[in-house]
Amino acid sequence: LIDGSEVAVKTLTEQLCKGAKNLQR
């Protein structure tokens, strides 16, 4: 089951991964 909190965590995690990639450039 996927609830709102899991979706929020997934979204935040994806944003952090994108931010890390941008910092590595």
PDB file of N, CA and C in Angstrom:
ATOM      1  N   LEU A   1       0.833  -1.214   0.000  1.00  0.00           N
ATOM      2  CA  LEU A   1       0.000   0.000   0.000  1.00  0.00           C
ATOM      3  C   LEU A   1       0.866   1.261   0.000  1.00  0.00           C
ATOM      4  N   ILE A   2       0.415   2.263  -0.724  1.00  0.00           N
ATOM      5  CA  ILE A   2       1.159   3.530  -0.778  1.00  0.00           C
ATOM      6  C   ILE A   2       0.274   4.632  -0.218  1.00  0.00           C
ATOM      7  N   ASP A   3       0.729   5.269   0.838  1.00  0.00           N
ATOM      8  CA  ASP A   3      -0.063   6.361   1.413  1.00  0.00           C
ATOM      9  C   ASP A   3       0.594   7.698   1.095  1.00  0.00           C
ATOM     10  N   GLY A   4      -0.047   8.770   1.482  1.00  0.00           N
ATOM     11  CA  GLY A   4       0.465  10.108   1.166  1.00  0.00           C
ATOM     12  C   GLY A   4       1.872  10.341   1.680  1.00  0.00           C
ATOM     13  N   SER A   5       2.164   9.836   2.879  1.00  0.00           N
ATOM     14  CA  SER A   5       3.491  10.091   3.454  1.00  0.00           C
ATOM     15  C   SER A   5       4.580   9.429   2.617  1.00  0.00           C
ATOM     16  N   GLU A   6       4.323   8.222   2.137  1.00  0.00           N
ATOM     17  CA  GLU A   6       5.344   7.527   1.328  1.00  0.00           C
ATOM     18  C   GLU A   6       5.585   8.281   0.033  1.00  0.00           C
ATOM     19  N   VAL A   7       4.519   8.800  -0.564  1.00  0.00           N
ATOM     20  CA  VAL A   7       4.676   9.562  -1.809  1.00  0.00           C
ATOM     21  C   VAL A   7       5.496  10.816  -1.542  1.00  0.00           C
ATOM     22  N   ALA A   8       5.239  11.475  -0.417  1.00  0.00           N
ATOM     23  CA  ALA A   8       5.966  12.699  -0.079  1.00  0.00           C
ATOM     24  C   ALA A   8       7.449  12.380   0.120  1.00  0.00           C
ATOM     25  N   VAL A   9       7.750  11.301   0.812  1.00  0.00           N
ATOM     26  CA  VAL A   9       9.151  10.920   1.046  1.00  0.00           C
ATOM     27  C   VAL A   9       9.828  10.610  -0.274  1.00  0.00           C
ATOM     28  N   LYS A  10       9.133   9.894  -1.150  1.00  0.00           N
ATOM     29  CA  LYS A  10       9.721   9.553  -2.459  1.00  0.00           C
ATOM     30  C   LYS A  10      10.019  10.821  -3.241  1.00  0.00           C
ATOM     31  N   THR A  11       9.080  11.757  -3.227  1.00  0.00           N
ATOM     32  CA  THR A  11       9.284  13.003  -3.973  1.00  0.00           C
ATOM     33  C   THR A  11      10.478  13.772  -3.412  1.00  0.00           C
ATOM     34  N   LEU A  12      10.557  13.868  -2.081  1.00  0.00           N
ATOM     35  CA  LEU A  12      11.670  14.597  -1.468  1.00  0.00           C
ATOM     36  C   LEU A  12      12.998  13.906  -1.783  1.00  0.00           C
ATOM     37  N   THR A  13      12.997  12.585  -1.743  1.00  0.00           N
ATOM     38  CA  THR A  13      14.234  11.842  -2.035  1.00  0.00           C
ATOM     39  C   THR A  13      14.685  12.105  -3.462  1.00  0.00           C
ATOM     40  N   GLU A  14      13.734  12.104  -4.403  1.00  0.00           N
ATOM     41  CA  GLU A  14      14.094  12.355  -5.804  1.00  0.00           C
ATOM     42  C   GLU A  14      14.651  13.762  -5.960  1.00  0.00           C
ATOM     43  N   GLN A  15      14.049  14.731  -5.244  1.00  0.00           N
ATOM     44  CA  GLN A  15      14.541  16.110  -5.333  1.00  0.00           C
ATOM     45  C   GLN A  15      15.953  16.213  -4.773  1.00  0.00           C
ATOM     46  N   LEU A  16      16.225  15.485  -3.685  1.00  0.00           N
ATOM     47  CA  LEU A  16      17.564  15.528  -3.093  1.00  0.00           C
ATOM     48  C   LEU A  16      18.580  14.920  -4.048  1.00  0.00           C
ATOM     49  N   CYS A  17      18.192  13.837  -4.724  1.00  0.00           N
ATOM     50  CA  CYS A  17      19.113  13.198  -5.681  1.00  0.00           C
ATOM     51  C   CYS A  17      19.427  14.160  -6.815  1.00  0.00           C
ATOM     52  N   LYS A  18      18.407  14.860  -7.307  1.00  0.00           N
ATOM     53  CA  LYS A  18      18.628  15.825  -8.392  1.00  0.00           C
ATOM     54  C   LYS A  18      19.529  16.950  -7.902  1.00  0.00           C
ATOM     55  N   GLY A  19      19.305  17.425  -6.688  1.00  0.00           N
ATOM     56  CA  GLY A  19      20.119  18.503  -6.138  1.00  0.00           C
ATOM     57  C   GLY A  19      21.567  18.067  -5.991  1.00  0.00           C
ATOM     58  N   ALA A  20      21.796  16.824  -5.554  1.00  0.00           N
ATOM     59  CA  ALA A  20      23.162  16.322  -5.398  1.00  0.00           C
ATOM     60  C   ALA A  20      23.861  16.287  -6.750  1.00  0.00           C
ATOM     61  N   LYS A  21      23.150  15.849  -7.785  1.00  0.00           N
ATOM     62  CA  LYS A  21      23.750  15.792  -9.122  1.00  0.00           C
ATOM     63  C   LYS A  21      24.124  17.193  -9.585  1.00  0.00           C
ATOM     64  N   ASN A  22      23.250  18.177  -9.303  1.00  0.00           N
ATOM     65  CA  ASN A  22      23.534  19.550  -9.718  1.00  0.00           C
ATOM     66  C   ASN A  22      24.770  20.083  -8.987  1.00  0.00           C
ATOM     67  N   LEU A  23      24.933  19.721  -7.709  1.00  0.00           N
ATOM     68  CA  LEU A  23      26.084  20.204  -6.943  1.00  0.00           C
ATOM     69  C   LEU A  23      27.373  19.581  -7.451  1.00  0.00           C
ATOM     70  N   GLN A  24      27.307  18.340  -7.941  1.00  0.00           N
ATOM     71  CA  GLN A  24      28.513  17.658  -8.411  1.00  0.00           C
ATOM     72  C   GLN A  24      29.021  18.252  -9.720  1.00  0.00           C
ATOM     73  N   ARG A  25      28.164  18.962 -10.458  1.00  0.00           N
ATOM     74  CA  ARG A  25      28.584  19.520 -11.741  1.00  0.00           C
ATOM     75  C   ARG A  25      29.648  20.583 -11.536  1.00  0.00           C
TER      76      ARG A  25
END
